[in-house]
Amino acid sequence: MYRPFLMACCLIAAGWWATSCKTDGRTDDAGEQSEPEDAYAGVVDTGVYFLDICADSLDVNHHSIRSGENLSLIFSRMGFSPLQTDSIVKATDSLIDPKKIRAGNRYYTLTTRDGEAQVKYIVFAKTLTDHVVIDLSCPPVGAYLFRKEIVLQQRYLDGRVKSSLWQEIKNRGADPLLALHLSDVYAWQIDFFAIQPEDSFQVFYTEAFIDSATSTGILSIDGALFIQEGHPYLAVPFEQDSVREFFDGEGQSLRKAFLKAPMDFFRITSRFTHSRFHPVLKRYRAHHGVDYAAPVGTPVKTIGDGRVTARGFEAGGGGNYLKIQHNATYTTSYMHLSRFAPGISVGRHVRQGEVIGYVGSTGLSTGPHLDFRVYRNGQAIDPLKMESPPSHPVRPELKDSFEVAKRRLLDRLRAPDARDTLAYHVEPNN
């Protein structure tokens, strides 16, 4: 007898909520569970809405998932019966993966203010943008994913480096991770471990925000100018062959390819292996390089731009050797050299193809050869299987379009009025 009356009350209440509160942004999407920060501190005092829920007559309570808790325990602790808990869990089955519930994850309860506080909504934060909303205001239990609107802002920052790029960016109130994005762009041009106090930078970049002030990260670099030791390095973003990459002012790619080999004439006598019989030591051990046999005095070249980080002699090992750091990822070493090229010393910047030494048989060696090794993030890799980054200049037929993009960037770098922050909205991904 009471069920039709209850349903009617729900319909009346739904009509009242529809006219008094605006709802939007609902979409069905399971998403991924993570540990977002609490983006709603003080939400009760700052406005009527919590996500898309009209909360002018509700209290918003903040909670964190405790160690060892699961959904059933959480709902039971709220006072729901086993039958009610089961219906709530089933309603969220496609939206919350129980295996991804983590201690410290945030969730919220929206409760009535009059009399005994009743839970009307439960909200689980999956990420800073994605939230699972459980609607208990009227039976049956409903659940949906609410995705907060993302606003992209194109921002501008400049500065003169006093200690480190990271610290300078942080001191200016920007996300210091911007330094990592810049180091990726300029990985082949600038040694960020050798920045001088007079070095300076200008950069346009896009950052994503929610709630007007909460950043979700830097999405892209949209153009930059870095001046190191008085030399300007321009980075112009340009799309070619459906790939967006950075070019200098002449249309040359900022990504430099490695030479296929450090010598012009050679014969490979030993390859990269984890177990090789050493001809001198007479035992098996790893050989994490490639041996190139060639006559004594054959010129050895650096396979890429970089800086000499080590030069020395190992009597029972590599003999005369050099190490060159190419960027934050790649380092190469050249061993058993007969001698070094003139002017090659620690700290010296070298260019791709520059002669750095000459083949010899110094150290632990049975004959003239070069032991060449490549390290990626400190780990030895097979030089013959190394994937060299692409290095293609702007194609002739795209030169005019590139010049327009370059001129637009230069104009913005020179004109303060063109540096204002631009903001635009992003539609939620359905």
Protein backbone atom coordinates (compact mmCIF):
# COMPACT_ATOMS: atom_id res chain seq x y z
CA MET A 1 0.00 0.00 0.00
CA TYR A 2 2.80 2.42 0.86
CA ARG A 3 5.00 1.73 -2.17
CA PRO A 4 2.95 3.83 -4.69
CA PHE A 5 2.90 6.67 -2.14
CA LEU A 6 6.68 6.38 -1.69
CA MET A 7 7.27 6.40 -5.44
CA ALA A 8 5.09 9.48 -5.80
CA CYS A 9 7.12 11.24 -3.12
CA CYS A 10 10.28 10.41 -4.98
CA LEU A 11 8.88 11.78 -8.23
CA ILE A 12 7.81 14.99 -6.51
CA ALA A 13 11.22 15.30 -4.85
CA ALA A 14 12.96 14.65 -8.17
CA GLY A 15 10.95 17.42 -9.77
CA TRP A 16 11.89 19.84 -6.98
CA TRP A 17 15.61 18.97 -7.31
CA ALA A 18 15.45 19.37 -11.08
CA THR A 19 14.12 22.91 -10.79
CA SER A 20 16.35 24.01 -7.90
CA CYS A 21 19.68 22.41 -8.85
CA LYS A 22 21.47 22.10 -12.17
CA THR A 23 22.88 18.68 -13.05
CA ASP A 24 25.36 17.82 -15.78
CA GLY A 25 28.44 15.87 -16.64
CA ARG A 26 27.22 12.33 -15.97
CA THR A 27 28.71 9.54 -17.99
CA ASP A 28 29.18 5.79 -17.61
CA ASP A 29 32.85 4.87 -17.48
CA ALA A 30 34.68 2.51 -15.19
CA GLY A 31 37.95 4.49 -15.28
CA GLU A 32 40.95 3.67 -13.07
CA GLN A 33 41.26 3.71 -9.29
CA SER A 34 44.08 5.84 -7.84
CA GLU A 35 44.95 7.93 -4.81
CA PRO A 36 43.92 11.53 -5.62
CA GLU A 37 44.51 14.51 -3.41
CA ASP A 38 41.61 16.04 -1.53
CA ALA A 39 40.40 18.80 -3.84
CA TYR A 40 37.38 19.67 -1.71
CA ALA A 41 38.68 21.01 1.57
CA GLY A 42 36.13 23.55 2.81
CA VAL A 43 33.64 22.72 0.09
CA VAL A 44 30.66 23.15 2.46
CA ASP A 45 31.51 26.78 3.04
CA THR A 46 32.36 27.74 -0.52
CA GLY A 47 29.27 26.91 -2.54
CA VAL A 48 25.94 25.12 -3.03
CA TYR A 49 27.16 22.38 -5.37
CA PHE A 50 29.35 19.39 -4.71
CA LEU A 51 30.20 17.96 -8.15
CA ASP A 52 26.74 17.98 -9.80
CA ILE A 53 24.84 17.50 -6.52
CA CYS A 54 22.78 20.34 -5.08
CA ALA A 55 24.10 20.36 -1.52
CA ASP A 56 22.56 23.51 -0.05
CA SER A 57 20.64 21.41 2.52
CA LEU A 58 23.29 18.71 3.01
CA ASP A 59 26.53 18.37 4.96
CA VAL A 60 29.59 17.14 3.07
CA ASN A 61 31.76 14.87 5.22
CA HIS A 62 35.32 13.95 4.29
CA HIS A 63 36.71 10.43 4.82
CA SER A 64 39.76 8.32 3.97
CA ILE A 65 39.72 4.59 3.35
CA ARG A 66 41.40 2.77 6.22
CA SER A 67 43.94 0.01 5.91
CA GLY A 68 42.22 -3.34 5.34
CA GLU A 69 38.84 -1.82 4.52
CA ASN A 70 36.71 -2.90 1.56
CA LEU A 71 33.44 -1.54 0.21
CA SER A 72 31.28 -3.80 2.35
CA LEU A 73 33.04 -2.70 5.54
CA ILE A 74 32.77 0.96 4.57
CA PHE A 75 29.02 0.75 3.89
CA SER A 76 28.44 -1.34 7.02
CA ARG A 77 30.26 1.26 9.12
CA MET A 78 27.84 3.86 7.76
CA GLY A 79 24.99 1.90 9.30
CA PHE A 80 23.60 0.12 6.24
CA SER A 81 22.16 -3.36 6.66
CA PRO A 82 23.71 -6.34 4.85
CA LEU A 83 20.84 -6.23 2.31
CA GLN A 84 21.34 -2.50 1.68
CA THR A 85 25.12 -2.95 1.47
CA ASP A 86 24.69 -5.69 -1.11
CA SER A 87 22.48 -3.47 -3.29
CA ILE A 88 24.97 -0.58 -3.09
CA VAL A 89 27.91 -2.84 -4.01
CA LYS A 90 25.97 -4.22 -6.99
CA ALA A 91 25.13 -0.70 -8.16
CA THR A 92 28.84 0.21 -8.25
CA ASP A 93 30.02 -3.10 -9.72
CA SER A 94 30.93 -1.62 -13.13
CA LEU A 95 32.37 1.60 -11.71
CA ILE A 96 34.62 0.57 -8.83
CA ASP A 97 37.14 -2.26 -8.98
CA PRO A 98 37.34 -3.64 -5.40
CA LYS A 99 40.93 -4.79 -6.08
CA LYS A 100 41.98 -1.18 -6.63
CA ILE A 101 40.66 0.16 -3.36
CA ARG A 102 43.64 1.64 -1.53
CA ALA A 103 44.13 2.92 2.01
CA GLY A 104 44.18 6.70 1.96
CA ASN A 105 41.83 7.08 -0.99
CA ARG A 106 39.25 9.82 -0.41
CA TYR A 107 35.50 9.45 -0.27
CA TYR A 108 32.67 11.69 0.89
CA THR A 109 29.23 11.30 2.37
CA LEU A 110 26.47 13.87 1.89
CA THR A 111 24.06 13.72 4.82
CA THR A 112 20.88 15.50 5.90
CA ARG A 113 21.11 18.25 8.51
CA ASP A 114 17.73 17.84 10.21
CA GLY A 115 17.29 15.20 12.90
CA GLU A 116 19.32 12.02 12.53
CA ALA A 117 21.87 12.47 9.74
CA GLN A 118 20.90 10.25 6.83
CA VAL A 119 23.32 9.44 4.02
CA LYS A 120 21.86 10.65 0.74
CA TYR A 121 24.96 10.40 -1.45
CA ILE A 122 28.34 8.67 -1.28
CA VAL A 123 31.14 9.88 -3.55
CA PHE A 124 34.37 7.98 -4.20
CA ALA A 125 37.26 9.93 -5.75
CA LYS A 126 38.98 7.76 -8.35
CA THR A 127 41.21 10.49 -9.73
CA LEU A 128 41.29 14.27 -9.47
CA THR A 129 38.73 14.39 -12.28
CA ASP A 130 36.73 11.14 -12.00
CA HIS A 131 34.32 10.45 -9.13
CA VAL A 132 31.81 7.64 -8.59
CA VAL A 133 28.54 9.07 -7.21
CA ILE A 134 26.17 6.73 -5.39
CA ASP A 135 22.65 8.19 -5.23
CA LEU A 136 20.68 6.99 -2.18
CA SER A 137 18.17 9.83 -2.18
CA CYS A 138 15.45 7.65 -3.72
CA PRO A 139 15.18 3.91 -4.32
CA PRO A 140 16.45 2.07 -6.20
CA VAL A 141 20.13 2.82 -5.56
CA GLY A 142 21.77 4.56 -8.51
CA ALA A 143 25.43 5.07 -9.36
CA TYR A 144 27.24 6.96 -12.10
CA LEU A 145 30.62 8.43 -12.96
CA PHE A 146 30.98 12.19 -12.77
CA ARG A 147 33.92 13.68 -14.63
CA LYS A 148 34.97 17.17 -13.65
CA GLU A 149 35.56 19.71 -16.38
CA ILE A 150 39.20 20.21 -17.37
CA VAL A 151 40.36 23.68 -18.33
CA LEU A 152 43.55 23.95 -20.38
CA GLN A 153 45.59 27.08 -19.88
CA GLN A 154 48.39 28.14 -22.17
CA ARG A 155 50.89 29.82 -19.89
CA TYR A 156 54.13 31.78 -20.23
CA LEU A 157 57.20 31.77 -18.02
CA ASP A 158 60.64 33.31 -18.30
CA GLY A 159 63.59 33.61 -15.99
CA ARG A 160 67.33 33.81 -15.50
CA VAL A 161 68.84 30.71 -13.93
CA LYS A 162 70.61 31.45 -10.65
CA SER A 163 71.23 27.93 -9.34
CA SER A 164 69.26 25.30 -11.22
CA LEU A 165 66.44 25.36 -13.75
CA TRP A 166 64.25 23.29 -11.41
CA GLN A 167 64.75 25.74 -8.54
CA GLU A 168 64.24 28.82 -10.73
CA ILE A 169 60.92 27.51 -12.06
CA LYS A 170 59.81 26.58 -8.54
CA ASN A 171 60.80 30.01 -7.20
CA ARG A 172 58.61 31.66 -9.83
CA GLY A 173 55.55 29.75 -8.64
CA ALA A 174 55.29 27.32 -11.57
CA ASP A 175 55.28 23.53 -11.54
CA PRO A 176 58.97 22.51 -11.29
CA LEU A 177 58.20 19.50 -13.49
CA LEU A 178 58.29 22.05 -16.31
CA ALA A 179 62.07 21.70 -16.04
CA LEU A 180 61.82 18.03 -17.02
CA HIS A 181 59.65 18.87 -20.03
CA LEU A 182 62.19 21.47 -21.15
CA SER A 183 65.06 19.03 -20.69
CA ASP A 184 63.23 16.56 -22.95
CA VAL A 185 62.85 19.21 -25.66
CA TYR A 186 66.49 20.31 -25.46
CA ALA A 187 68.02 16.94 -24.59
CA TRP A 188 70.38 17.07 -27.60
CA GLN A 189 71.33 20.76 -27.43
CA ILE A 190 71.75 21.76 -23.79
CA ASP A 191 73.66 20.19 -20.93
CA PHE A 192 71.35 20.97 -18.04
CA PHE A 193 74.03 19.84 -15.58
CA ALA A 194 76.27 22.67 -16.75
CA ILE A 195 73.85 25.62 -16.65
CA GLN A 196 75.56 28.94 -15.94
CA PRO A 197 74.15 31.81 -13.82
CA GLU A 198 73.59 33.98 -16.90
CA ASP A 199 71.62 31.35 -18.81
CA SER A 200 67.97 32.27 -19.36
CA PHE A 201 64.76 30.84 -20.77
CA GLN A 202 61.35 31.74 -22.15
CA VAL A 203 58.67 29.12 -22.58
CA PHE A 204 55.03 28.76 -23.57
CA TYR A 205 53.33 25.63 -22.26
CA THR A 206 49.89 24.13 -21.72
CA GLU A 207 48.77 23.07 -18.25
CA ALA A 208 45.52 21.35 -17.29
CA PHE A 209 43.41 22.55 -14.34
CA ILE A 210 40.26 21.57 -12.51
CA ASP A 211 38.41 23.74 -9.99
CA SER A 212 40.21 26.76 -11.51
CA ALA A 213 43.30 26.28 -9.34
CA THR A 214 44.10 22.55 -9.05
CA SER A 215 46.68 21.52 -11.65
CA THR A 216 46.54 18.03 -13.10
CA GLY A 217 49.85 18.41 -14.93
CA ILE A 218 51.71 19.98 -17.83
CA LEU A 219 50.49 18.63 -21.16
CA SER A 220 52.87 20.16 -23.69
CA ILE A 221 55.58 22.67 -24.48
CA ASP A 222 54.24 25.11 -27.07
CA GLY A 223 57.47 26.90 -27.91
CA ALA A 224 60.62 27.96 -26.12
CA LEU A 225 63.84 29.94 -26.30
CA PHE A 226 66.79 28.92 -24.13
CA ILE A 227 69.99 30.93 -24.04
CA GLN A 228 73.06 29.05 -22.76
CA GLU A 229 76.47 30.71 -22.67
CA GLY A 230 75.12 33.42 -24.96
CA HIS A 231 73.92 30.97 -27.64
CA PRO A 232 70.16 31.05 -28.39
CA TYR A 233 68.37 27.73 -28.81
CA LEU A 234 64.91 28.13 -30.35
CA ALA A 235 62.35 25.30 -30.11
CA VAL A 236 59.51 25.59 -32.64
CA PRO A 237 56.76 22.94 -32.40
CA PHE A 238 55.68 21.82 -35.86
CA GLU A 239 53.72 18.85 -37.17
CA GLN A 240 55.16 16.85 -40.03
CA ASP A 241 53.97 13.44 -41.22
CA SER A 242 51.32 13.56 -38.44
CA VAL A 243 54.11 13.77 -35.83
CA ARG A 244 54.59 16.85 -33.66
CA GLU A 245 58.23 17.56 -32.86
CA PHE A 246 60.54 20.50 -32.26
CA PHE A 247 62.78 22.26 -34.78
CA ASP A 248 65.40 24.99 -34.54
CA GLY A 249 65.22 28.28 -36.42
CA GLU A 250 66.62 26.65 -39.56
CA GLY A 251 64.04 23.89 -39.63
CA GLN A 252 66.41 21.20 -38.32
CA SER A 253 64.98 18.68 -35.86
CA LEU A 254 66.09 19.14 -32.26
CA ARG A 255 66.28 15.35 -32.00
CA LYS A 256 69.65 14.16 -33.23
CA ALA A 257 70.26 10.72 -34.67
CA PHE A 258 73.30 8.70 -33.64
CA LEU A 259 75.88 7.57 -36.16
CA LYS A 260 75.54 3.88 -36.90
CA ALA A 261 79.17 3.25 -35.94
CA PRO A 262 82.05 5.24 -34.40
CA MET A 263 84.40 4.50 -37.33
CA ASP A 264 84.23 4.60 -41.11
CA PHE A 265 86.19 1.38 -41.80
CA PHE A 266 86.07 -1.56 -39.44
CA ARG A 267 85.36 -5.23 -38.87
CA ILE A 268 83.23 -6.44 -35.97
CA THR A 269 85.13 -9.10 -34.04
CA SER A 270 82.99 -9.38 -30.90
CA ARG A 271 79.38 -8.55 -30.22
CA PHE A 272 77.30 -7.64 -27.17
CA THR A 273 76.85 -10.70 -24.93
CA HIS A 274 76.36 -11.69 -21.32
CA SER A 275 78.91 -14.50 -21.63
CA ARG A 276 82.04 -14.34 -23.79
CA PHE A 277 85.33 -16.24 -23.51
CA HIS A 278 87.92 -13.55 -22.81
CA PRO A 279 91.08 -14.20 -24.90
CA VAL A 280 93.42 -12.79 -22.23
CA LEU A 281 91.72 -13.82 -18.99
CA LYS A 282 90.85 -17.27 -20.42
CA ARG A 283 87.44 -17.33 -18.76
CA TYR A 284 83.85 -16.48 -19.59
CA ARG A 285 82.47 -13.11 -18.60
CA ALA A 286 80.03 -10.52 -19.90
CA HIS A 287 81.05 -8.28 -22.78
CA HIS A 288 78.58 -5.39 -22.86
CA GLY A 289 79.95 -3.73 -25.95
CA VAL A 290 80.98 -4.24 -29.56
CA ASP A 291 84.61 -4.72 -30.67
CA TYR A 292 85.56 -3.04 -33.95
CA ALA A 293 88.87 -4.28 -35.34
CA ALA A 294 90.88 -1.73 -37.33
CA PRO A 295 94.52 -0.73 -37.84
CA VAL A 296 96.25 1.31 -35.15
CA GLY A 297 95.64 5.01 -35.76
CA THR A 298 92.21 4.61 -37.39
CA PRO A 299 90.15 7.70 -36.39
CA VAL A 300 87.39 7.12 -33.82
CA LYS A 301 84.37 9.46 -33.91
CA THR A 302 81.72 10.31 -31.38
CA ILE A 303 78.37 8.98 -32.55
CA GLY A 304 76.52 12.08 -31.32
CA ASP A 305 76.79 15.53 -29.81
CA GLY A 306 77.75 15.51 -26.16
CA ARG A 307 80.22 16.35 -23.42
CA VAL A 308 83.35 14.43 -22.41
CA THR A 309 82.78 13.25 -18.83
CA ALA A 310 85.80 10.95 -18.38
CA ARG A 311 89.24 10.52 -19.90
CA GLY A 312 91.84 8.20 -18.45
CA PHE A 313 93.83 4.98 -18.55
CA GLU A 314 93.07 1.52 -17.13
CA ALA A 315 96.11 -0.76 -17.34
CA GLY A 316 94.15 -3.95 -16.57
CA GLY A 317 91.01 -2.96 -18.43
CA GLY A 318 90.05 -0.42 -21.07
CA GLY A 319 93.45 1.16 -21.58
CA ASN A 320 93.06 4.70 -22.91
CA TYR A 321 89.35 5.41 -22.69
CA LEU A 322 86.82 8.22 -23.11
CA LYS A 323 83.24 8.58 -21.91
CA ILE A 324 80.78 10.99 -23.52
CA GLN A 325 77.41 12.01 -22.08
CA HIS A 326 75.02 12.78 -24.95
CA ASN A 327 71.97 13.75 -22.92
CA ALA A 328 70.14 12.73 -19.78
CA THR A 329 69.53 9.26 -21.28
CA TYR A 330 72.54 8.16 -23.36
CA THR A 331 76.25 7.82 -22.57
CA THR A 332 78.92 6.14 -24.72
CA SER A 333 82.44 4.87 -23.96
CA TYR A 334 85.43 4.27 -26.26
CA MET A 335 88.24 2.00 -25.03
CA HIS A 336 91.72 0.70 -25.98
CA LEU A 337 92.58 3.94 -27.81
CA SER A 338 96.19 4.46 -28.87
CA ARG A 339 95.86 8.19 -28.16
CA PHE A 340 93.30 10.96 -27.79
CA ALA A 341 92.54 13.60 -30.42
CA PRO A 342 94.05 17.05 -29.73
CA GLY A 343 91.95 19.20 -27.40
CA ILE A 344 89.82 16.32 -26.10
CA SER A 345 89.55 16.78 -22.35
CA VAL A 346 86.97 16.37 -19.61
CA GLY A 347 84.24 19.00 -19.96
CA ARG A 348 84.85 19.51 -23.67
CA HIS A 349 81.72 19.64 -25.85
CA VAL A 350 82.01 17.51 -28.97
CA ARG A 351 79.95 17.38 -32.14
CA GLN A 352 78.56 14.32 -33.87
CA GLY A 353 81.21 12.82 -36.16
CA GLU A 354 84.09 14.67 -34.49
CA VAL A 355 87.30 12.63 -34.15
CA ILE A 356 87.94 12.03 -30.46
CA GLY A 357 90.72 9.44 -30.56
CA TYR A 358 92.47 6.71 -32.53
CA VAL A 359 92.31 2.92 -32.49
CA GLY A 360 94.95 1.18 -30.41
CA SER A 361 95.59 -1.88 -28.27
CA THR A 362 96.12 -0.38 -24.84
CA GLY A 363 94.97 -2.04 -21.64
CA LEU A 364 93.72 -5.62 -21.59
CA SER A 365 93.82 -6.25 -25.34
CA THR A 366 95.26 -8.84 -27.73
CA GLY A 367 95.25 -6.63 -30.82
CA PRO A 368 94.24 -3.23 -32.18
CA HIS A 369 90.53 -2.65 -31.85
CA LEU A 370 87.92 -0.30 -30.35
CA ASP A 371 85.69 -1.55 -27.53
CA PHE A 372 82.57 0.60 -27.97
CA ARG A 373 79.77 0.67 -25.40
CA VAL A 374 76.42 2.44 -25.05
CA TYR A 375 74.55 3.09 -21.80
CA ARG A 376 70.89 4.06 -21.56
CA ASN A 377 69.90 5.40 -18.16
CA GLY A 378 73.07 3.86 -16.76
CA GLN A 379 72.40 0.36 -18.14
CA ALA A 380 74.53 -1.14 -20.91
CA ILE A 381 72.59 -1.87 -24.11
CA ASP A 382 73.55 -3.52 -27.39
CA PRO A 383 74.91 -0.76 -29.67
CA LEU A 384 73.91 -2.74 -32.76
CA LYS A 385 70.27 -2.87 -31.62
CA MET A 386 70.00 0.67 -30.32
CA GLU A 387 67.02 2.60 -31.64
CA SER A 388 68.32 5.98 -32.72
CA PRO A 389 65.79 8.84 -32.43
CA PRO A 390 64.59 10.23 -35.78
CA SER A 391 66.20 13.37 -37.15
CA HIS A 392 64.37 14.74 -40.17
CA PRO A 393 64.42 18.43 -41.12
CA VAL A 394 61.27 20.22 -42.24
CA ARG A 395 60.47 19.05 -45.75
CA PRO A 396 60.89 21.66 -48.53
CA GLU A 397 57.18 21.69 -49.37
CA LEU A 398 56.37 22.55 -45.72
CA LYS A 399 59.00 25.26 -45.34
CA ASP A 400 56.54 28.13 -45.81
CA SER A 401 54.18 26.75 -43.17
CA PHE A 402 57.09 26.26 -40.81
CA GLU A 403 58.26 29.85 -41.32
CA VAL A 404 54.77 31.07 -40.35
CA ALA A 405 54.86 28.98 -37.16
CA LYS A 406 58.35 30.21 -36.33
CA ARG A 407 57.47 33.88 -36.93
CA ARG A 408 54.36 33.55 -34.76
CA LEU A 409 56.43 32.12 -31.91
CA LEU A 410 59.13 34.80 -32.22
CA ASP A 411 56.51 37.55 -32.21
CA ARG A 412 54.95 36.16 -29.04
CA LEU A 413 58.34 35.86 -27.34
CA ARG A 414 59.11 39.50 -28.13
CA ALA A 415 55.70 41.02 -27.37
CA PRO A 416 54.55 41.06 -23.71
CA ASP A 417 50.91 41.50 -24.76
CA ALA A 418 51.07 38.18 -26.61
CA ARG A 419 52.19 36.29 -23.49
CA ASP A 420 48.93 36.51 -21.55
CA THR A 421 47.56 33.24 -20.23
CA LEU A 422 44.92 31.73 -22.51
CA ALA A 423 42.30 29.31 -21.17
CA TYR A 424 39.99 26.93 -22.98
CA HIS A 425 37.73 24.10 -21.90
CA VAL A 426 38.04 20.44 -22.75
CA GLU A 427 35.00 18.28 -23.33
CA PRO A 428 34.89 15.16 -21.09
CA ASN A 429 35.90 11.94 -22.79
CA ASN A 430 32.88 9.73 -23.13
